[in-house]
Amino acid sequence: MADSPLPLAERSDADLPGHWLLARLGKRVLRPGGLELTTRLLAAARIGGSDVVELGPGLGRTATDIVAARPGSYVGVDDTAAATENVRAIVAPVGGTVVVADAATTGLPDGSADVVVGEAMLTMQGDKAKRAIIAEAFRVLRPGGRYAIHELGLTPDDLSQDIKDDIRREMSRAIKVNARPLTTAEWTQLLTEAGFEIETVDHAPMALLNPARVLADEGVLGALRIVGNLVRRPAARRRVLGMRGTFQRYRRSLTAVAVVGVVPGQ
């Protein structure tokens, strides 16, 4: 039997998946469209007073914004037990809970939510897993419920398959996760095939590691913390420069896309 992977906290900077490496360095906003696109997505999803489920809350940065919008209730679903304690503390003021489960099999009751939020998670799944997670969101939502996603996109919609394959291969190598971004048309098609009606589609530049975006998302002190960690951790610095190089090389074909789909019936 093969050895089990080391827990995230014990893995080296050279081996850690890209989003967890950035989190280790102090980055809190790990979304392709940054805080600006997340803010617009949550506004479009109409969080206030709603029963909200967040899939893959990670470090809890988006959970903080959801709580600030005063939802009726909050449930986070994350398969990384180590990440859930921080989120529990963030959502405690609204009586929120976090369960350790897979996003495709949450165990939540049918029709128990008004909004399901998932950011930067479907991109990291294969086609079958993407469909399973989207189907689970549809099951959990009530009629009229909104599924809000913020993911890495490819552009334009008629981008050649060869370029798509090159981007996916190089990104997977750089971030050490099997990244499979889609065009906007492909993202919306996945939602409509699951039964959703598309309500809004929004975009922002994919500038995750650009200095101006880091400053906007993390603030001056946060940006300085990240720089200081990069200076002290050469293996992490090499990884981050490699990721940024890949993003820059394909910058004309990358975008951030936010979609809100609605369950018909209300």
Protein backbone atom coordinates (compact mmCIF):
# COMPACT_ATOMS: atom_id res chain seq x y z
CA MET A 1 0.00 0.00 0.00
CA ALA A 2 1.29 3.47 -0.86
CA ASP A 3 2.14 5.84 1.97
CA SER A 4 -0.54 8.40 2.83
CA PRO A 5 0.27 11.99 1.84
CA LEU A 6 1.74 14.11 4.60
CA PRO A 7 -0.66 16.48 6.34
CA LEU A 8 -0.59 19.95 4.78
CA ALA A 9 1.15 21.46 7.80
CA GLU A 10 4.04 19.00 7.42
CA ARG A 11 4.57 19.33 3.68
CA SER A 12 7.47 21.36 2.33
CA ASP A 13 7.10 24.63 0.44
CA ALA A 14 8.32 22.83 -2.68
CA ASP A 15 5.59 20.20 -2.43
CA LEU A 16 2.57 22.09 -1.12
CA PRO A 17 -0.42 22.79 -3.45
CA GLY A 18 -0.23 26.36 -4.70
CA HIS A 19 -3.21 27.81 -2.84
CA TRP A 20 -2.03 26.35 0.48
CA LEU A 21 1.49 27.62 -0.18
CA LEU A 22 0.13 31.13 -0.67
CA ALA A 23 -1.90 30.77 2.52
CA ARG A 24 1.24 29.68 4.39
CA LEU A 25 2.96 32.83 3.14
CA GLY A 26 0.16 34.96 4.56
CA LYS A 27 -2.13 35.45 1.57
CA ARG A 28 -5.75 35.56 2.66
CA VAL A 29 -7.62 36.29 -0.59
CA LEU A 30 -7.11 33.24 -2.80
CA ARG A 31 -9.61 34.00 -5.54
CA PRO A 32 -8.79 34.52 -9.24
CA GLY A 33 -10.82 37.73 -9.45
CA GLY A 34 -9.74 39.05 -6.07
CA LEU A 35 -11.80 40.64 -3.35
CA GLU A 36 -13.53 42.97 -5.83
CA LEU A 37 -15.16 40.15 -7.79
CA THR A 38 -16.08 38.27 -4.61
CA THR A 39 -17.83 41.40 -3.32
CA ARG A 40 -19.86 41.73 -6.51
CA LEU A 41 -20.70 38.02 -6.49
CA LEU A 42 -22.02 38.09 -2.93
CA ALA A 43 -24.11 41.16 -3.73
CA ALA A 44 -25.60 39.38 -6.75
CA ALA A 45 -26.34 36.31 -4.60
CA ARG A 46 -28.36 38.41 -2.10
CA ILE A 47 -26.83 37.05 1.09
CA GLY A 48 -28.68 39.21 3.63
CA GLY A 49 -31.28 37.22 5.59
CA SER A 50 -30.63 34.06 3.54
CA ASP A 51 -29.70 30.58 4.70
CA VAL A 52 -26.20 30.24 3.26
CA VAL A 53 -24.03 27.19 2.61
CA GLU A 54 -20.41 27.80 1.65
CA LEU A 55 -18.54 24.96 -0.03
CA GLY A 56 -14.82 24.90 0.68
CA PRO A 57 -14.51 27.97 2.93
CA GLY A 58 -10.78 27.33 3.39
CA LEU A 59 -9.27 30.04 5.59
CA GLY A 60 -12.60 31.80 6.01
CA ARG A 61 -11.92 35.02 4.10
CA THR A 62 -15.20 34.87 2.18
CA ALA A 63 -17.00 33.61 5.29
CA THR A 64 -16.01 36.90 6.94
CA ASP A 65 -17.80 38.83 4.18
CA ILE A 66 -20.83 36.53 4.31
CA VAL A 67 -21.16 37.09 8.06
CA ALA A 68 -20.88 40.87 7.52
CA ALA A 69 -23.87 40.65 5.14
CA ARG A 70 -26.01 39.25 8.01
CA PRO A 71 -27.26 35.93 6.63
CA GLY A 72 -30.14 34.12 8.27
CA SER A 73 -27.81 31.18 8.88
CA TYR A 74 -24.42 29.88 7.75
CA VAL A 75 -23.11 26.35 7.19
CA GLY A 76 -19.60 25.75 5.87
CA VAL A 77 -18.64 22.46 4.27
CA ASP A 78 -14.93 21.64 4.02
CA ASP A 79 -13.11 18.34 3.65
CA THR A 80 -9.96 19.70 5.35
CA ALA A 81 -10.54 19.33 9.07
CA ALA A 82 -7.57 21.54 9.96
CA ALA A 83 -9.16 24.47 8.13
CA THR A 84 -12.52 24.33 9.84
CA GLU A 85 -11.61 25.62 13.32
CA ASN A 86 -10.70 29.08 12.04
CA VAL A 87 -13.95 29.27 10.06
CA ARG A 88 -15.99 28.19 13.10
CA ALA A 89 -14.59 31.15 15.03
CA ILE A 90 -15.41 33.54 12.18
CA VAL A 91 -19.04 32.42 11.82
CA ALA A 92 -19.80 32.03 15.54
CA PRO A 93 -21.35 35.54 15.80
CA VAL A 94 -24.23 34.46 13.51
CA GLY A 95 -24.52 30.98 15.05
CA GLY A 96 -22.81 29.46 12.03
CA THR A 97 -21.57 25.89 11.86
CA VAL A 98 -18.94 24.05 9.83
CA VAL A 99 -19.10 20.38 8.89
CA VAL A 100 -16.26 18.22 7.63
CA ALA A 101 -17.55 16.62 4.44
CA ASP A 102 -16.96 16.43 0.71
CA ALA A 103 -18.62 19.16 -1.35
CA ALA A 104 -20.26 16.50 -3.53
CA THR A 105 -21.78 14.67 -0.53
CA THR A 106 -22.47 17.32 2.10
CA GLY A 107 -25.05 15.35 4.05
CA LEU A 108 -27.21 18.48 4.28
CA PRO A 109 -31.00 18.14 3.86
CA ASP A 110 -32.72 18.66 0.52
CA GLY A 111 -33.89 22.22 -0.08
CA SER A 112 -32.29 23.58 3.09
CA ALA A 113 -30.49 26.64 1.68
CA ASP A 114 -31.28 29.88 -0.12
CA VAL A 115 -27.70 30.43 -1.30
CA VAL A 116 -24.76 28.12 -1.97
CA VAL A 117 -21.40 29.83 -2.45
CA GLY A 118 -18.32 28.15 -3.90
CA GLU A 119 -15.16 29.98 -4.87
CA ALA A 120 -12.01 28.75 -6.61
CA MET A 121 -12.88 25.12 -5.95
CA LEU A 122 -14.58 23.74 -9.07
CA THR A 123 -11.53 24.75 -11.14
CA MET A 124 -9.48 22.21 -9.18
CA GLN A 125 -11.86 19.32 -9.99
CA GLY A 126 -12.14 17.01 -12.96
CA ASP A 127 -15.26 17.06 -15.13
CA LYS A 128 -17.08 14.30 -13.21
CA ALA A 129 -16.37 15.92 -9.83
CA LYS A 130 -17.46 19.34 -11.11
CA ARG A 131 -20.82 17.91 -12.12
CA ALA A 132 -21.23 16.08 -8.81
CA ILE A 133 -20.60 19.24 -6.77
CA ILE A 134 -22.95 21.32 -8.92
CA ALA A 135 -25.65 18.65 -8.62
CA GLU A 136 -25.22 18.67 -4.83
CA ALA A 137 -25.62 22.47 -4.76
CA PHE A 138 -28.84 22.11 -6.78
CA ARG A 139 -30.16 19.46 -4.37
CA VAL A 140 -29.44 21.54 -1.27
CA LEU A 141 -31.08 24.70 -2.64
CA ARG A 142 -34.76 25.59 -2.39
CA PRO A 143 -36.74 26.74 -5.45
CA GLY A 144 -35.51 30.26 -6.18
CA GLY A 145 -32.19 29.50 -4.44
CA ARG A 146 -28.96 30.90 -5.85
CA TYR A 147 -25.70 29.08 -6.59
CA ALA A 148 -22.83 31.60 -6.68
CA ILE A 149 -19.47 30.52 -8.10
CA HIS A 150 -16.20 32.41 -8.65
CA GLU A 151 -13.73 30.45 -10.74
CA LEU A 152 -10.78 30.66 -13.09
CA GLY A 153 -11.91 31.18 -16.66
CA LEU A 154 -10.48 30.80 -20.13
CA THR A 155 -11.12 33.37 -22.83
CA PRO A 156 -12.41 33.72 -25.49
CA ASP A 157 -15.16 31.12 -25.60
CA ASP A 158 -13.76 29.75 -28.87
CA LEU A 159 -10.22 29.32 -27.50
CA SER A 160 -8.56 26.42 -29.28
CA GLN A 161 -8.38 23.05 -27.56
CA ASP A 162 -4.59 23.00 -27.95
CA ILE A 163 -4.21 26.23 -25.98
CA LYS A 164 -6.66 25.00 -23.33
CA ASP A 165 -4.62 21.83 -22.92
CA ASP A 166 -1.35 23.79 -22.71
CA ILE A 167 -2.74 26.10 -20.01
CA ARG A 168 -4.15 23.24 -17.95
CA ARG A 169 -0.94 21.24 -18.18
CA GLU A 170 1.37 24.14 -17.26
CA MET A 171 -0.88 25.42 -14.49
CA SER A 172 -1.16 21.97 -12.96
CA ARG A 173 2.62 21.67 -13.00
CA ALA A 174 3.09 25.11 -11.41
CA ILE A 175 0.48 24.87 -8.65
CA LYS A 176 0.72 21.09 -8.11
CA VAL A 177 -3.05 20.67 -8.40
CA ASN A 178 -4.91 19.30 -11.41
CA ALA A 179 -6.38 22.66 -12.47
CA ARG A 180 -9.07 22.51 -15.14
CA PRO A 181 -10.39 26.04 -15.85
CA LEU A 182 -13.22 26.46 -18.37
CA THR A 183 -14.47 29.16 -20.70
CA THR A 184 -17.43 31.24 -19.54
CA ALA A 185 -19.67 29.37 -21.97
CA GLU A 186 -18.51 26.05 -20.53
CA TRP A 187 -19.04 27.19 -16.92
CA THR A 188 -22.58 28.39 -17.65
CA GLN A 189 -23.34 25.23 -19.62
CA LEU A 190 -22.40 23.07 -16.62
CA LEU A 191 -24.87 24.98 -14.46
CA THR A 192 -27.70 24.88 -17.00
CA GLU A 193 -27.19 21.15 -17.57
CA ALA A 194 -27.69 20.66 -13.81
CA GLY A 195 -31.01 22.55 -13.98
CA PHE A 196 -29.97 26.10 -13.06
CA GLU A 197 -31.13 29.21 -14.88
CA ILE A 198 -28.31 31.72 -15.30
CA GLU A 199 -29.08 34.99 -13.51
CA THR A 200 -25.79 36.93 -13.67
CA VAL A 201 -22.33 36.54 -15.24
CA ASP A 202 -19.45 38.79 -14.22
CA HIS A 203 -15.72 38.96 -14.95
CA ALA A 204 -12.52 40.47 -13.59
CA PRO A 205 -8.88 40.23 -14.69
CA MET A 206 -7.06 37.16 -13.39
CA ALA A 207 -4.31 39.02 -11.53
CA LEU A 208 -3.89 36.86 -8.44
CA LEU A 209 -0.15 37.47 -8.03
CA ASN A 210 0.16 40.93 -9.57
CA PRO A 211 1.54 43.41 -7.01
CA ALA A 212 -1.34 45.88 -7.41
CA ARG A 213 -3.93 43.14 -6.83
CA VAL A 214 -2.03 41.76 -3.83
CA LEU A 215 -1.94 45.25 -2.31
CA ALA A 216 -5.66 45.79 -2.98
CA ASP A 217 -6.64 42.40 -1.56
CA GLU A 218 -4.28 42.16 1.40
CA GLY A 219 -3.58 45.76 2.40
CA VAL A 220 -0.15 47.24 3.03
CA LEU A 221 0.64 45.18 6.13
CA GLY A 222 -0.58 41.97 4.54
CA ALA A 223 1.46 42.57 1.39
CA LEU A 224 4.57 43.30 3.48
CA ARG A 225 4.02 40.10 5.45
CA ILE A 226 3.90 38.08 2.22
CA VAL A 227 7.06 39.76 0.86
CA GLY A 228 8.90 39.13 4.11
CA ASN A 229 7.97 35.45 4.03
CA LEU A 230 9.10 35.16 0.41
CA VAL A 231 12.46 36.68 1.29
CA ARG A 232 12.97 34.16 4.10
CA ARG A 233 11.73 31.10 2.18
CA PRO A 234 13.68 30.53 -1.05
CA ALA A 235 11.79 27.38 -2.06
CA ALA A 236 8.48 29.21 -1.70
CA ARG A 237 9.86 32.17 -3.64
CA ARG A 238 10.82 29.91 -6.54
CA ARG A 239 7.36 28.35 -6.53
CA VAL A 240 5.54 31.70 -6.45
CA LEU A 241 7.71 33.13 -9.24
CA GLY A 242 6.97 30.00 -11.28
CA MET A 243 3.21 30.37 -10.73
CA ARG A 244 3.32 34.05 -11.59
CA GLY A 245 5.33 33.31 -14.72
CA THR A 246 2.69 30.83 -15.88
CA PHE A 247 -0.12 33.31 -15.20
CA GLN A 248 1.76 36.02 -17.08
CA ARG A 249 2.54 33.79 -20.04
CA TYR A 250 -1.15 33.02 -20.57
CA ARG A 251 -2.58 36.32 -19.30
CA ARG A 252 -4.45 37.01 -22.56
CA SER A 253 -6.27 33.67 -22.23
CA LEU A 254 -7.07 33.81 -18.52
CA THR A 255 -9.91 35.60 -16.76
CA ALA A 256 -11.90 35.33 -13.55
CA VAL A 257 -15.57 34.51 -13.93
CA ALA A 258 -18.42 34.79 -11.41
CA VAL A 259 -21.80 33.20 -12.17
CA VAL A 260 -25.05 33.10 -10.22
CA GLY A 261 -27.45 30.32 -11.21
CA VAL A 262 -31.00 30.05 -9.88
CA VAL A 263 -33.11 26.99 -9.13
CA PRO A 264 -36.37 27.40 -11.10
CA GLY A 265 -39.73 27.34 -9.40
CA GLN A 266 -40.27 30.58 -7.53
